């Protein structure tokens, strides 16, 4: 009985860690503030400062290789370099001026 209870507690603890890891992957900590998808780009600049670099990405939809204007979307990709030993962070800012995605990138030596 004690053994099965220990196994059950261990399984619940592991399940809790998995859900925490998913949550952490969708947020960026800048000081004491958490940045997450949906946050305003001005708020990110205020809390995290200027990114190391900004890249403008423009995507156009196509049919049979022909580009048509109604499918154009614009997004900015902001690269933040964090402390040594931590992954770089790329924020995708949508054309609505809000964080659309947060990606962590391995630093290449």
Protein backbone atom coordinates (compact mmCIF):
# COMPACT_ATOMS: atom_id res chain seq x y z
CA UNK A 1 0.00 0.00 0.00
CA UNK A 2 2.81 2.41 0.88
CA UNK A 3 4.64 1.52 -2.35
CA UNK A 4 1.61 2.26 -4.57
CA UNK A 5 1.02 5.55 -2.75
CA UNK A 6 4.65 6.58 -3.40
CA UNK A 7 4.34 5.69 -7.07
CA UNK A 8 1.11 7.67 -7.32
CA UNK A 9 2.69 10.74 -5.66
CA UNK A 10 5.70 10.50 -7.98
CA UNK A 11 3.44 10.30 -11.05
CA UNK A 12 1.46 13.33 -9.93
CA UNK A 13 4.66 15.30 -9.29
CA UNK A 14 5.95 14.46 -12.79
CA UNK A 15 2.64 15.50 -14.35
CA UNK A 16 2.89 18.82 -12.53
CA UNK A 17 6.42 19.40 -13.82
CA UNK A 18 5.35 18.75 -17.39
CA UNK A 19 2.62 21.38 -17.20
CA UNK A 20 5.03 23.90 -15.64
CA UNK A 21 7.58 23.30 -18.40
CA UNK A 22 4.96 24.01 -21.09
CA UNK A 23 4.00 27.26 -19.37
CA UNK A 24 7.60 28.37 -19.02
CA UNK A 25 8.23 27.75 -22.72
CA UNK A 26 5.57 30.35 -23.62
CA UNK A 27 6.90 33.14 -21.41
CA UNK A 28 9.99 35.33 -21.21
CA UNK A 29 11.18 36.83 -17.94
CA UNK A 30 12.49 40.41 -18.07
CA UNK A 31 13.47 41.31 -14.53
CA UNK A 32 10.42 40.56 -12.41
CA UNK A 33 7.98 40.74 -15.34
CA UNK A 34 6.76 37.84 -17.48
CA UNK A 35 6.25 38.53 -21.18
CA UNK A 36 3.80 36.26 -22.97
CA UNK A 37 1.97 36.04 -26.29
CA UNK A 38 -0.61 38.81 -26.58
CA UNK A 39 1.48 41.43 -24.77
CA UNK A 40 1.91 44.80 -26.50
CA UNK A 41 5.26 45.42 -28.22
CA UNK A 42 5.66 48.79 -26.45
CA UNK A 43 5.26 47.02 -23.12
CA UNK A 44 8.00 44.55 -24.13
CA UNK A 45 10.35 47.41 -25.04
CA UNK A 46 9.59 49.13 -21.74
CA UNK A 47 10.26 46.02 -19.65
CA UNK A 48 12.99 44.24 -21.68
CA UNK A 49 14.71 47.13 -23.46
CA UNK A 50 15.81 47.23 -27.08
CA UNK A 51 16.44 43.86 -28.72
CA UNK A 52 19.88 42.92 -30.01
CA UNK A 53 18.43 42.87 -33.52
CA UNK A 54 15.15 43.28 -35.39
CA UNK A 55 14.19 41.53 -38.60
CA UNK A 56 11.15 42.35 -40.69
CA UNK A 57 9.43 39.34 -42.19
CA UNK A 58 6.86 39.80 -44.96
CA UNK A 59 4.93 36.79 -46.15
CA UNK A 60 2.73 36.75 -49.20
CA UNK A 61 0.26 34.04 -50.07
CA UNK A 62 0.39 32.45 -53.51
CA UNK A 63 -1.69 30.34 -55.83
CA UNK A 64 0.27 28.28 -58.35
CA UNK A 65 3.39 30.34 -57.63
CA UNK A 66 1.72 33.68 -58.38
CA UNK A 67 1.83 36.15 -55.50
CA UNK A 68 -1.39 37.93 -54.69
CA UNK A 69 -1.56 41.01 -52.50
CA UNK A 70 -4.49 40.05 -50.27
CA UNK A 71 -2.37 37.39 -48.53
CA UNK A 72 0.47 39.63 -47.31
CA UNK A 73 1.25 39.53 -43.60
CA UNK A 74 3.97 41.45 -41.79
CA UNK A 75 5.77 40.50 -38.61
CA UNK A 76 8.89 41.59 -36.79
CA UNK A 77 11.31 39.15 -35.20
CA UNK A 78 13.18 40.56 -32.22
CA UNK A 79 16.28 38.79 -30.90
CA UNK A 80 17.12 39.14 -27.23
CA UNK A 81 20.47 37.90 -25.95
CA UNK A 82 20.18 36.81 -22.35
CA UNK A 83 22.76 35.96 -19.72
CA UNK A 84 25.67 33.65 -20.64
CA UNK A 85 24.55 30.04 -20.64
CA UNK A 86 20.92 30.87 -21.43
CA UNK A 87 19.13 30.43 -24.74
CA UNK A 88 18.59 33.45 -26.97
CA UNK A 89 14.97 34.49 -27.32
CA UNK A 90 13.18 35.46 -30.53
CA UNK A 91 9.91 37.31 -30.16
CA UNK A 92 7.61 37.45 -33.16
CA UNK A 93 5.63 40.67 -33.17
CA UNK A 94 2.53 40.45 -35.35
CA UNK A 95 1.17 43.19 -37.58
CA UNK A 96 -1.21 44.09 -34.72
CA UNK A 97 1.79 45.18 -32.59
CA UNK A 98 1.48 42.29 -30.13
CA UNK A 99 3.71 39.34 -29.27
CA UNK A 100 2.58 36.48 -31.48
CA UNK A 101 5.20 33.89 -30.46
CA UNK A 102 8.19 33.36 -28.19
CA UNK A 103 10.96 31.00 -29.30
CA UNK A 104 14.11 29.99 -27.48
CA UNK A 105 17.19 29.33 -29.63
CA UNK A 106 20.36 27.47 -28.73
CA UNK A 107 23.44 29.65 -28.80
CA UNK A 108 25.93 28.38 -31.36
CA UNK A 109 29.59 28.55 -30.46
